[in-house]
Amino acid sequence: MTLAVPDDFPHPPFGGSLSGMQLKFSLTRGPDGRFHEPGSLPEERAEDFLRCCEVVDWAVGFLREKALKPKYAALTTEQMLEKFRVNLANDFEMPESYRSWILARLTDRLGQR
């Protein structure tokens, strides 16, 4: 059984195509024998979703711990999230749509909406 991924979780970006006389798409063969875009199988999406949820859970604790330190006490939650956004882009290799989803969940969990 596959984990139910929420509708607001982004789909991975399309892998691309190659030029030439005929357009060639980047596809993979799924366990059912059909061709799919890489990362679009339910199992792959569930894995990506769980990985992003782990980042959110870790980041909530990390940011709350940082907020208690004198160096960061003067920063607002929005400023902390902006700093985290920059670090997320530098330290985690993932599509921008996943980073945006993570930041939206962090904003919700930290009580900014």
PDB file of N, CA and C in Angstrom:
ATOM      1  N   MET A   1       0.847  -1.189   0.000  1.00  0.00           N
ATOM      2  CA  MET A   1       0.000   0.000   0.000  1.00  0.00           C
ATOM      3  C   MET A   1       0.886   1.244   0.000  1.00  0.00           C
ATOM      4  N   THR A   2       0.513   2.215  -0.805  1.00  0.00           N
ATOM      5  CA  THR A   2       1.286   3.440  -0.938  1.00  0.00           C
ATOM      6  C   THR A   2       0.701   4.529  -0.053  1.00  0.00           C
ATOM      7  N   LEU A   3       1.580   5.318   0.525  1.00  0.00           N
ATOM      8  CA  LEU A   3       1.179   6.445   1.356  1.00  0.00           C
ATOM      9  C   LEU A   3       0.385   7.447   0.522  1.00  0.00           C
ATOM     10  N   ALA A   4      -0.678   7.995   1.082  1.00  0.00           N
ATOM     11  CA  ALA A   4      -1.474   9.008   0.383  1.00  0.00           C
ATOM     12  C   ALA A   4      -0.747  10.347   0.474  1.00  0.00           C
ATOM     13  N   VAL A   5      -0.292  10.836  -0.655  1.00  0.00           N
ATOM     14  CA  VAL A   5       0.414  12.114  -0.723  1.00  0.00           C
ATOM     15  C   VAL A   5      -0.623  13.212  -0.879  1.00  0.00           C
ATOM     16  N   PRO A   6      -0.558  14.287  -0.057  1.00  0.00           N
ATOM     17  CA  PRO A   6      -1.556  15.354  -0.173  1.00  0.00           C
ATOM     18  C   PRO A   6      -1.520  16.032  -1.544  1.00  0.00           C
ATOM     19  N   ASP A   7      -2.653  16.580  -1.933  1.00  0.00           N
ATOM     20  CA  ASP A   7      -2.769  17.231  -3.241  1.00  0.00           C
ATOM     21  C   ASP A   7      -1.858  18.443  -3.383  1.00  0.00           C
ATOM     22  N   ASP A   8      -1.537  19.107  -2.256  1.00  0.00           N
ATOM     23  CA  ASP A   8      -0.719  20.312  -2.361  1.00  0.00           C
ATOM     24  C   ASP A   8       0.774  20.005  -2.494  1.00  0.00           C
ATOM     25  N   PHE A   9       1.161  18.735  -2.389  1.00  0.00           N
ATOM     26  CA  PHE A   9       2.570  18.385  -2.564  1.00  0.00           C
ATOM     27  C   PHE A   9       2.889  18.430  -4.051  1.00  0.00           C
ATOM     28  N   PRO A  10       3.949  19.155  -4.429  1.00  0.00           N
ATOM     29  CA  PRO A  10       4.230  19.352  -5.857  1.00  0.00           C
ATOM     30  C   PRO A  10       4.700  18.076  -6.554  1.00  0.00           C
ATOM     31  N   HIS A  11       4.424  18.027  -7.839  1.00  0.00           N
ATOM     32  CA  HIS A  11       4.954  16.955  -8.674  1.00  0.00           C
ATOM     33  C   HIS A  11       6.378  17.332  -9.048  1.00  0.00           C
ATOM     34  N   PRO A  12       7.250  16.347  -9.228  1.00  0.00           N
ATOM     35  CA  PRO A  12       8.618  16.682  -9.626  1.00  0.00           C
ATOM     36  C   PRO A  12       8.609  17.329 -11.007  1.00  0.00           C
ATOM     37  N   PRO A  13       9.567  18.213 -11.257  1.00  0.00           N
ATOM     38  CA  PRO A  13       9.608  18.841 -12.581  1.00  0.00           C
ATOM     39  C   PRO A  13       9.907  17.795 -13.653  1.00  0.00           C
ATOM     40  N   PHE A  14       9.424  18.061 -14.861  1.00  0.00           N
ATOM     41  CA  PHE A  14       9.646  17.127 -15.966  1.00  0.00           C
ATOM     42  C   PHE A  14      11.138  17.017 -16.231  1.00  0.00           C
ATOM     43  N   GLY A  15      11.609  15.792 -16.442  1.00  0.00           N
ATOM     44  CA  GLY A  15      13.030  15.515 -16.597  1.00  0.00           C
ATOM     45  C   GLY A  15      13.680  16.133 -17.814  1.00  0.00           C
ATOM     46  N   GLY A  16      12.942  16.383 -18.867  1.00  0.00           N
ATOM     47  CA  GLY A  16      13.533  17.024 -20.026  1.00  0.00           C
ATOM     48  C   GLY A  16      13.357  16.220 -21.293  1.00  0.00           C
ATOM     49  N   SER A  17      13.972  16.720 -22.324  1.00  0.00           N
ATOM     50  CA  SER A  17      13.913  16.058 -23.618  1.00  0.00           C
ATOM     51  C   SER A  17      15.212  16.337 -24.360  1.00  0.00           C
ATOM     52  N   LEU A  18      15.442  15.582 -25.397  1.00  0.00           N
ATOM     53  CA  LEU A  18      16.625  15.755 -26.227  1.00  0.00           C
ATOM     54  C   LEU A  18      16.189  16.239 -27.597  1.00  0.00           C
ATOM     55  N   SER A  19      16.992  17.092 -28.189  1.00  0.00           N
ATOM     56  CA  SER A  19      16.639  17.619 -29.506  1.00  0.00           C
ATOM     57  C   SER A  19      17.031  16.616 -30.591  1.00  0.00           C
ATOM     58  N   GLY A  20      16.610  16.901 -31.768  1.00  0.00           N
ATOM     59  CA  GLY A  20      16.921  16.047 -32.907  1.00  0.00           C
ATOM     60  C   GLY A  20      15.753  16.062 -33.867  1.00  0.00           C
ATOM     61  N   MET A  21      15.804  15.169 -34.837  1.00  0.00           N
ATOM     62  CA  MET A  21      14.719  15.097 -35.810  1.00  0.00           C
ATOM     63  C   MET A  21      13.399  14.775 -35.121  1.00  0.00           C
ATOM     64  N   GLN A  22      13.453  13.885 -34.149  1.00  0.00           N
ATOM     65  CA  GLN A  22      12.266  13.555 -33.373  1.00  0.00           C
ATOM     66  C   GLN A  22      12.568  13.874 -31.917  1.00  0.00           C
ATOM     67  N   LEU A  23      11.613  14.465 -31.252  1.00  0.00           N
ATOM     68  CA  LEU A  23      11.776  14.798 -29.842  1.00  0.00           C
ATOM     69  C   LEU A  23      11.864  13.519 -29.018  1.00  0.00           C
ATOM     70  N   LYS A  24      12.835  13.463 -28.111  1.00  0.00           N
ATOM     71  CA  LYS A  24      13.020  12.276 -27.270  1.00  0.00           C
ATOM     72  C   LYS A  24      12.804  12.683 -25.821  1.00  0.00           C
ATOM     73  N   PHE A  25      11.890  12.031 -25.147  1.00  0.00           N
ATOM     74  CA  PHE A  25      11.575  12.359 -23.760  1.00  0.00           C
ATOM     75  C   PHE A  25      12.281  11.410 -22.807  1.00  0.00           C
ATOM     76  N   SER A  26      12.578  11.922 -21.641  1.00  0.00           N
ATOM     77  CA  SER A  26      13.195  11.126 -20.589  1.00  0.00           C
ATOM     78  C   SER A  26      12.095  10.391 -19.831  1.00  0.00           C
ATOM     79  N   LEU A  27      11.960   9.095 -20.072  1.00  0.00           N
ATOM     80  CA  LEU A  27      10.923   8.289 -19.424  1.00  0.00           C
ATOM     81  C   LEU A  27      11.555   7.050 -18.796  1.00  0.00           C
ATOM     82  N   THR A  28      10.889   6.500 -17.808  1.00  0.00           N
ATOM     83  CA  THR A  28      11.326   5.247 -17.197  1.00  0.00           C
ATOM     84  C   THR A  28      10.178   4.248 -17.261  1.00  0.00           C
ATOM     85  N   ARG A  29      10.533   2.982 -17.277  1.00  0.00           N
ATOM     86  CA  ARG A  29       9.508   1.935 -17.311  1.00  0.00           C
ATOM     87  C   ARG A  29       9.156   1.576 -15.874  1.00  0.00           C
ATOM     88  N   GLY A  30       7.877   1.632 -15.568  1.00  0.00           N
ATOM     89  CA  GLY A  30       7.400   1.304 -14.232  1.00  0.00           C
ATOM     90  C   GLY A  30       7.219  -0.188 -14.045  1.00  0.00           C
ATOM     91  N   PRO A  31       6.906  -0.610 -12.827  1.00  0.00           N
ATOM     92  CA  PRO A  31       6.716  -2.042 -12.559  1.00  0.00           C
ATOM     93  C   PRO A  31       5.537  -2.639 -13.329  1.00  0.00           C
ATOM     94  N   ASP A  32       4.622  -1.776 -13.755  1.00  0.00           N
ATOM     95  CA  ASP A  32       3.470  -2.262 -14.524  1.00  0.00           C
ATOM     96  C   ASP A  32       3.778  -2.378 -16.015  1.00  0.00           C
ATOM     97  N   GLY A  33       5.023  -2.044 -16.411  1.00  0.00           N
ATOM     98  CA  GLY A  33       5.421  -2.128 -17.809  1.00  0.00           C
ATOM     99  C   GLY A  33       5.130  -0.882 -18.614  1.00  0.00           C
ATOM    100  N   ARG A  34       4.443   0.068 -18.028  1.00  0.00           N
ATOM    101  CA  ARG A  34       4.121   1.320 -18.719  1.00  0.00           C
ATOM    102  C   ARG A  34       5.244   2.325 -18.491  1.00  0.00           C
ATOM    103  N   PHE A  35       5.328   3.328 -19.372  1.00  0.00           N
ATOM    104  CA  PHE A  35       6.346   4.358 -19.245  1.00  0.00           C
ATOM    105  C   PHE A  35       5.812   5.535 -18.436  1.00  0.00           C
ATOM    106  N   HIS A  36       6.676   6.108 -17.619  1.00  0.00           N
ATOM    107  CA  HIS A  36       6.317   7.223 -16.746  1.00  0.00           C
ATOM    108  C   HIS A  36       7.447   8.246 -16.747  1.00  0.00           C
ATOM    109  N   GLU A  37       7.095   9.470 -16.390  1.00  0.00           N
ATOM    110  CA  GLU A  37       8.128  10.477 -16.151  1.00  0.00           C
ATOM    111  C   GLU A  37       8.882  10.076 -14.889  1.00  0.00           C
ATOM    112  N   PRO A  38      10.200  10.289 -14.841  1.00  0.00           N
ATOM    113  CA  PRO A  38      10.950   9.942 -13.629  1.00  0.00           C
ATOM    114  C   PRO A  38      10.388  10.667 -12.409  1.00  0.00           C
ATOM    115  N   GLY A  39      10.189   9.946 -11.320  1.00  0.00           N
ATOM    116  CA  GLY A  39       9.688  10.533 -10.081  1.00  0.00           C
ATOM    117  C   GLY A  39       8.185  10.640  -9.980  1.00  0.00           C
ATOM    118  N   SER A  40       7.459  10.177 -10.994  1.00  0.00           N
ATOM    119  CA  SER A  40       6.005  10.364 -10.977  1.00  0.00           C
ATOM    120  C   SER A  40       5.229   9.145 -10.483  1.00  0.00           C
ATOM    121  N   LEU A  41       5.902   8.036 -10.250  1.00  0.00           N
ATOM    122  CA  LEU A  41       5.199   6.863  -9.724  1.00  0.00           C
ATOM    123  C   LEU A  41       4.741   7.142  -8.297  1.00  0.00           C
ATOM    124  N   PRO A  42       3.619   6.592  -7.885  1.00  0.00           N
ATOM    125  CA  PRO A  42       3.121   6.846  -6.521  1.00  0.00           C
ATOM    126  C   PRO A  42       4.146   6.524  -5.433  1.00  0.00           C
ATOM    127  N   GLU A  43       4.907   5.448  -5.607  1.00  0.00           N
ATOM    128  CA  GLU A  43       5.911   5.085  -4.612  1.00  0.00           C
ATOM    129  C   GLU A  43       7.017   6.135  -4.533  1.00  0.00           C
ATOM    130  N   GLU A  44       7.424   6.661  -5.690  1.00  0.00           N
ATOM    131  CA  GLU A  44       8.476   7.684  -5.727  1.00  0.00           C
ATOM    132  C   GLU A  44       7.981   8.992  -5.117  1.00  0.00           C
ATOM    133  N   ARG A  45       6.739   9.346  -5.432  1.00  0.00           N
ATOM    134  CA  ARG A  45       6.169  10.575  -4.847  1.00  0.00           C
ATOM    135  C   ARG A  45       6.044  10.441  -3.339  1.00  0.00           C
ATOM    136  N   ALA A  46       5.629   9.268  -2.860  1.00  0.00           N
ATOM    137  CA  ALA A  46       5.503   9.048  -1.417  1.00  0.00           C
ATOM    138  C   ALA A  46       6.866   9.157  -0.742  1.00  0.00           C
ATOM    139  N   GLU A  47       7.897   8.634  -1.388  1.00  0.00           N
ATOM    140  CA  GLU A  47       9.255   8.722  -0.840  1.00  0.00           C
ATOM    141  C   GLU A  47       9.709  10.184  -0.759  1.00  0.00           C
ATOM    142  N   ASP A  48       9.466  10.950  -1.818  1.00  0.00           N
ATOM    143  CA  ASP A  48       9.826  12.374  -1.810  1.00  0.00           C
ATOM    144  C   ASP A  48       9.044  13.131  -0.741  1.00  0.00           C
ATOM    145  N   PHE A  49       7.762  12.807  -0.612  1.00  0.00           N
ATOM    146  CA  PHE A  49       6.921  13.458   0.393  1.00  0.00           C
ATOM    147  C   PHE A  49       7.448  13.181   1.800  1.00  0.00           C
ATOM    148  N   LEU A  50       7.770  11.929   2.085  1.00  0.00           N
ATOM    149  CA  LEU A  50       8.298  11.581   3.411  1.00  0.00           C
ATOM    150  C   LEU A  50       9.630  12.274   3.682  1.00  0.00           C
ATOM    151  N   ARG A  51      10.475  12.363   2.672  1.00  0.00           N
ATOM    152  CA  ARG A  51      11.762  13.047   2.823  1.00  0.00           C
ATOM    153  C   ARG A  51      11.542  14.530   3.148  1.00  0.00           C
ATOM    154  N   CYS A  52      10.611  15.165   2.463  1.00  0.00           N
ATOM    155  CA  CYS A  52      10.315  16.578   2.728  1.00  0.00           C
ATOM    156  C   CYS A  52       9.703  16.755   4.119  1.00  0.00           C
ATOM    157  N   CYS A  53       8.843  15.831   4.536  1.00  0.00           N
ATOM    158  CA  CYS A  53       8.260  15.895   5.887  1.00  0.00           C
ATOM    159  C   CYS A  53       9.337  15.765   6.951  1.00  0.00           C
ATOM    160  N   GLU A  54      10.336  14.917   6.707  1.00  0.00           N
ATOM    161  CA  GLU A  54      11.449  14.779   7.646  1.00  0.00           C
ATOM    162  C   GLU A  54      12.221  16.085   7.766  1.00  0.00           C
ATOM    163  N   VAL A  55      12.422  16.769   6.644  1.00  0.00           N
ATOM    164  CA  VAL A  55      13.121  18.058   6.675  1.00  0.00           C
ATOM    165  C   VAL A  55      12.306  19.067   7.480  1.00  0.00           C
ATOM    166  N   VAL A  56      10.988  19.085   7.280  1.00  0.00           N
ATOM    167  CA  VAL A  56      10.125  20.011   8.022  1.00  0.00           C
ATOM    168  C   VAL A  56      10.202  19.725   9.518  1.00  0.00           C
ATOM    169  N   ASP A  57      10.066  18.463   9.903  1.00  0.00           N
ATOM    170  CA  ASP A  57      10.118  18.105  11.325  1.00  0.00           C
ATOM    171  C   ASP A  57      11.453  18.497  11.949  1.00  0.00           C
ATOM    172  N   TRP A  58      12.538  18.212  11.238  1.00  0.00           N
ATOM    173  CA  TRP A  58      13.862  18.576  11.740  1.00  0.00           C
ATOM    174  C   TRP A  58      13.995  20.097  11.852  1.00  0.00           C
ATOM    175  N   ALA A  59      13.539  20.819  10.832  1.00  0.00           N
ATOM    176  CA  ALA A  59      13.712  22.272  10.792  1.00  0.00           C
ATOM    177  C   ALA A  59      12.911  22.981  11.877  1.00  0.00           C
ATOM    178  N   VAL A  60      11.741  22.471  12.221  1.00  0.00           N
ATOM    179  CA  VAL A  60      10.940  23.096  13.285  1.00  0.00           C
ATOM    180  C   VAL A  60      11.735  23.095  14.585  1.00  0.00           C
ATOM    181  N   GLY A  61      12.271  21.947  14.955  1.00  0.00           N
ATOM    182  CA  GLY A  61      13.075  21.864  16.172  1.00  0.00           C
ATOM    183  C   GLY A  61      14.328  22.709  16.089  1.00  0.00           C
ATOM    184  N   PHE A  62      14.983  22.674  14.947  1.00  0.00           N
ATOM    185  CA  PHE A  62      16.211  23.437  14.744  1.00  0.00           C
ATOM    186  C   PHE A  62      15.960  24.933  14.885  1.00  0.00           C
ATOM    187  N   LEU A  63      14.901  25.438  14.233  1.00  0.00           N
ATOM    188  CA  LEU A  63      14.620  26.874  14.278  1.00  0.00           C
ATOM    189  C   LEU A  63      14.152  27.315  15.661  1.00  0.00           C
ATOM    190  N   ARG A  64      13.389  26.482  16.336  1.00  0.00           N
ATOM    191  CA  ARG A  64      12.965  26.828  17.703  1.00  0.00           C
ATOM    192  C   ARG A  64      14.163  26.868  18.642  1.00  0.00           C
ATOM    193  N   GLU A  65      15.092  25.946  18.462  1.00  0.00           N
ATOM    194  CA  GLU A  65      16.305  25.930  19.279  1.00  0.00           C
ATOM    195  C   GLU A  65      17.163  27.159  18.987  1.00  0.00           C
ATOM    196  N   LYS A  66      17.295  27.506  17.715  1.00  0.00           N
ATOM    197  CA  LYS A  66      18.074  28.693  17.331  1.00  0.00           C
ATOM    198  C   LYS A  66      17.466  29.961  17.912  1.00  0.00           C
ATOM    199  N   ALA A  67      16.138  30.038  17.928  1.00  0.00           N
ATOM    200  CA  ALA A  67      15.457  31.245  18.414  1.00  0.00           C
ATOM    201  C   ALA A  67      15.751  31.504  19.887  1.00  0.00           C
ATOM    202  N   LEU A  68      16.129  30.477  20.632  1.00  0.00           N
ATOM    203  CA  LEU A  68      16.437  30.643  22.054  1.00  0.00           C
ATOM    204  C   LEU A  68      17.842  31.181  22.291  1.00  0.00           C
ATOM    205  N   LYS A  69      18.697  31.119  21.293  1.00  0.00           N
ATOM    206  CA  LYS A  69      20.076  31.590  21.446  1.00  0.00           C
ATOM    207  C   LYS A  69      20.110  33.110  21.330  1.00  0.00           C
ATOM    208  N   PRO A  70      20.932  33.764  22.160  1.00  0.00           N
ATOM    209  CA  PRO A  70      20.990  35.237  22.154  1.00  0.00           C
ATOM    210  C   PRO A  70      21.296  35.829  20.780  1.00  0.00           C
ATOM    211  N   LYS A  71      22.126  35.156  20.011  1.00  0.00           N
ATOM    212  CA  LYS A  71      22.508  35.665  18.691  1.00  0.00           C
ATOM    213  C   LYS A  71      21.298  35.809  17.763  1.00  0.00           C
ATOM    214  N   TYR A  72      20.300  34.950  17.934  1.00  0.00           N
ATOM    215  CA  TYR A  72      19.137  34.930  17.045  1.00  0.00           C
ATOM    216  C   TYR A  72      17.858  35.434  17.709  1.00  0.00           C
ATOM    217  N   ALA A  73      17.928  35.764  18.975  1.00  0.00           N
ATOM    218  CA  ALA A  73      16.722  36.150  19.720  1.00  0.00           C
ATOM    219  C   ALA A  73      16.038  37.383  19.133  1.00  0.00           C
ATOM    220  N   ALA A  74      16.812  38.288  18.544  1.00  0.00           N
ATOM    221  CA  ALA A  74      16.242  39.524  18.005  1.00  0.00           C
ATOM    222  C   ALA A  74      15.571  39.324  16.640  1.00  0.00           C
ATOM    223  N   LEU A  75      15.810  38.185  16.002  1.00  0.00           N
ATOM    224  CA  LEU A  75      15.230  37.954  14.678  1.00  0.00           C
ATOM    225  C   LEU A  75      13.767  37.539  14.791  1.00  0.00           C
ATOM    226  N   THR A  76      12.969  38.023  13.866  1.00  0.00           N
ATOM    227  CA  THR A  76      11.574  37.581  13.795  1.00  0.00           C
ATOM    228  C   THR A  76      11.538  36.193  13.155  1.00  0.00           C
ATOM    229  N   THR A  77      10.403  35.551  13.246  1.00  0.00           N
ATOM    230  CA  THR A  77      10.259  34.233  12.622  1.00  0.00           C
ATOM    231  C   THR A  77      10.442  34.342  11.112  1.00  0.00           C
ATOM    232  N   GLU A  78       9.940  35.425  10.529  1.00  0.00           N
ATOM    233  CA  GLU A  78      10.097  35.622   9.084  1.00  0.00           C
ATOM    234  C   GLU A  78      11.567  35.737   8.704  1.00  0.00           C
ATOM    235  N   GLN A  79      12.353  36.442   9.512  1.00  0.00           N
ATOM    236  CA  GLN A  79      13.781  36.577   9.232  1.00  0.00           C
ATOM    237  C   GLN A  79      14.498  35.232   9.378  1.00  0.00           C
ATOM    238  N   MET A  80      14.103  34.461  10.389  1.00  0.00           N
ATOM    239  CA  MET A  80      14.692  33.128  10.567  1.00  0.00           C
ATOM    240  C   MET A  80      14.357  32.234   9.369  1.00  0.00           C
ATOM    241  N   LEU A  81      13.119  32.315   8.905  1.00  0.00           N
ATOM    242  CA  LEU A  81      12.716  31.503   7.755  1.00  0.00           C
ATOM    243  C   LEU A  81      13.461  31.916   6.489  1.00  0.00           C
ATOM    244  N   GLU A  82      13.711  33.204   6.340  1.00  0.00           N
ATOM    245  CA  GLU A  82      14.465  33.676   5.174  1.00  0.00           C
ATOM    246  C   GLU A  82      15.892  33.138   5.208  1.00  0.00           C
ATOM    247  N   LYS A  83      16.525  33.179   6.366  1.00  0.00           N
ATOM    248  CA  LYS A  83      17.872  32.610   6.502  1.00  0.00           C
ATOM    249  C   LYS A  83      17.848  31.110   6.205  1.00  0.00           C
ATOM    250  N   PHE A  84      16.823  30.441   6.710  1.00  0.00           N
ATOM    251  CA  PHE A  84      16.711  29.004   6.476  1.00  0.00           C
ATOM    252  C   PHE A  84      16.476  28.719   4.996  1.00  0.00           C
ATOM    253  N   ARG A  85      15.692  29.562   4.330  1.00  0.00           N
ATOM    254  CA  ARG A  85      15.432  29.379   2.893  1.00  0.00           C
ATOM    255  C   ARG A  85      16.736  29.397   2.102  1.00  0.00           C
ATOM    256  N   VAL A  86      17.608  30.347   2.427  1.00  0.00           N
ATOM    257  CA  VAL A  86      18.896  30.448   1.735  1.00  0.00           C
ATOM    258  C   VAL A  86      19.732  29.191   1.988  1.00  0.00           C
ATOM    259  N   ASN A  87      19.789  28.749   3.248  1.00  0.00           N
ATOM    260  CA  ASN A  87      20.559  27.547   3.574  1.00  0.00           C
ATOM    261  C   ASN A  87      19.959  26.295   2.940  1.00  0.00           C
ATOM    262  N   LEU A  88      18.651  26.240   2.876  1.00  0.00           N
ATOM    263  CA  LEU A  88      17.977  25.095   2.265  1.00  0.00           C
ATOM    264  C   LEU A  88      18.363  24.984   0.794  1.00  0.00           C
ATOM    265  N   ALA A  89      18.407  26.122   0.113  1.00  0.00           N
ATOM    266  CA  ALA A  89      18.774  26.126  -1.305  1.00  0.00           C
ATOM    267  C   ALA A  89      20.228  25.699  -1.501  1.00  0.00           C
ATOM    268  N   ASN A  90      21.094  26.058  -0.559  1.00  0.00           N
ATOM    269  CA  ASN A  90      22.515  25.727  -0.689  1.00  0.00           C
ATOM    270  C   ASN A  90      22.848  24.306  -0.242  1.00  0.00           C
ATOM    271  N   ASP A  91      22.149  23.807   0.768  1.00  0.00           N
ATOM    272  CA  ASP A  91      22.541  22.550   1.410  1.00  0.00           C
ATOM    273  C   ASP A  91      21.737  21.328   0.989  1.00  0.00           C
ATOM    274  N   PHE A  92      20.546  21.515   0.438  1.00  0.00           N
ATOM    275  CA  PHE A  92      19.701  20.381   0.076  1.00  0.00           C
ATOM    276  C   PHE A  92      19.454  20.405  -1.425  1.00  0.00           C
ATOM    277  N   GLU A  93      19.859  19.346  -2.094  1.00  0.00           N
ATOM    278  CA  GLU A  93      19.637  19.271  -3.535  1.00  0.00           C
ATOM    279  C   GLU A  93      18.246  18.698  -3.785  1.00  0.00           C
ATOM    280  N   MET A  94      17.339  19.585  -4.155  1.00  0.00           N
ATOM    281  CA  MET A  94      15.958  19.193  -4.427  1.00  0.00           C
ATOM    282  C   MET A  94      15.331  20.257  -5.316  1.00  0.00           C
ATOM    283  N   PRO A  95      14.246  19.927  -5.994  1.00  0.00           N
ATOM    284  CA  PRO A  95      13.585  20.918  -6.850  1.00  0.00           C
ATOM    285  C   PRO A  95      13.082  22.118  -6.045  1.00  0.00           C
ATOM    286  N   GLU A  96      13.035  23.258  -6.686  1.00  0.00           N
ATOM    287  CA  GLU A  96      12.558  24.489  -6.048  1.00  0.00           C
ATOM    288  C   GLU A  96      11.133  24.321  -5.528  1.00  0.00           C
ATOM    289  N   SER A  97      10.309  23.582  -6.255  1.00  0.00           N
ATOM    290  CA  SER A  97       8.923  23.389  -5.811  1.00  0.00           C
ATOM    291  C   SER A  97       8.871  22.655  -4.473  1.00  0.00           C
ATOM    292  N   TYR A  98       9.790  21.731  -4.230  1.00  0.00           N
ATOM    293  CA  TYR A  98       9.845  21.033  -2.941  1.00  0.00           C
ATOM    294  C   TYR A  98      10.288  21.992  -1.839  1.00  0.00           C
ATOM    295  N   ARG A  99      11.283  22.828  -2.139  1.00  0.00           N
ATOM    296  CA  ARG A  99      11.747  23.806  -1.134  1.00  0.00           C
ATOM    297  C   ARG A  99      10.619  24.764  -0.772  1.00  0.00           C
ATOM    298  N   SER A 100       9.853  25.207  -1.756  1.00  0.00           N
ATOM    299  CA  SER A 100       8.724  26.108  -1.483  1.00  0.00           C
ATOM    300  C   SER A 100       7.683  25.420  -0.612  1.00  0.00           C
ATOM    301  N   TRP A 101       7.416  24.146  -0.879  1.00  0.00           N
ATOM    302  CA  TRP A 101       6.452  23.391  -0.080  1.00  0.00           C
ATOM    303  C   TRP A 101       6.949  23.266   1.354  1.00  0.00           C
ATOM    304  N   ILE A 102       8.229  22.968   1.530  1.00  0.00           N
ATOM    305  CA  ILE A 102       8.819  22.855   2.870  1.00  0.00           C
ATOM    306  C   ILE A 102       8.683  24.168   3.623  1.00  0.00           C
ATOM    307  N   LEU A 103       8.989  25.280   2.971  1.00  0.00           N
ATOM    308  CA  LEU A 103       8.889  26.587   3.633  1.00  0.00           C
ATOM    309  C   LEU A 103       7.447  26.928   3.988  1.00  0.00           C
ATOM    310  N   ALA A 104       6.505  26.553   3.142  1.00  0.00           N
ATOM    311  CA  ALA A 104       5.091  26.795   3.463  1.00  0.00           C
ATOM    312  C   ALA A 104       4.674  25.990   4.689  1.00  0.00           C
ATOM    313  N   ARG A 105       5.108  24.729   4.775  1.00  0.00           N
ATOM    314  CA  ARG A 105       4.795  23.906   5.957  1.00  0.00           C
ATOM    315  C   ARG A 105       5.470  24.469   7.207  1.00  0.00           C
ATOM    316  N   LEU A 106       6.705  24.942   7.063  1.00  0.00           N
ATOM    317  CA  LEU A 106       7.396  25.549   8.207  1.00  0.00           C
ATOM    318  C   LEU A 106       6.665  26.788   8.692  1.00  0.00           C
ATOM    319  N   THR A 107       6.218  27.604   7.767  1.00  0.00           N
ATOM    320  CA  THR A 107       5.478  28.810   8.133  1.00  0.00           C
ATOM    321  C   THR A 107       4.218  28.438   8.901  1.00  0.00           C
ATOM    322  N   ASP A 108       3.509  27.420   8.431  1.00  0.00           N
ATOM    323  CA  ASP A 108       2.307  26.949   9.140  1.00  0.00           C
ATOM    324  C   ASP A 108       2.653  26.423  10.529  1.00  0.00           C
ATOM    325  N   ARG A 109       3.664  25.589  10.612  1.00  0.00           N
ATOM    326  CA  ARG A 109       4.020  24.962  11.884  1.00  0.00           C
ATOM    327  C   ARG A 109       4.563  25.962  12.897  1.00  0.00           C
ATOM    328  N   LEU A 110       5.206  27.008  12.419  1.00  0.00           N
ATOM    329  CA  LEU A 110       5.757  28.010  13.332  1.00  0.00           C
ATOM    330  C   LEU A 110       4.758  29.122  13.631  1.00  0.00           C
ATOM    331  N   GLY A 111       3.537  29.006  13.111  1.00  0.00           N
ATOM    332  CA  GLY A 111       2.455  29.919  13.466  1.00  0.00           C
ATOM    333  C   GLY A 111       2.478  31.278  12.823  1.00  0.00           C
ATOM    334  N   GLN A 112       2.865  31.348  11.561  1.00  0.00           N
ATOM    335  CA  GLN A 112       2.937  32.640  10.893  1.00  0.00           C
ATOM    336  C   GLN A 112       1.749  32.920   9.996  1.00  0.00           C
ATOM    337  N   ARG A 113       0.877  31.958   9.760  1.00  0.00           N
ATOM    338  CA  ARG A 113      -0.255  32.219   8.856  1.00  0.00           C
ATOM    339  C   ARG A 113      -1.518  32.370   9.625  1.00  0.00           C
TER     340      ARG A 113
END
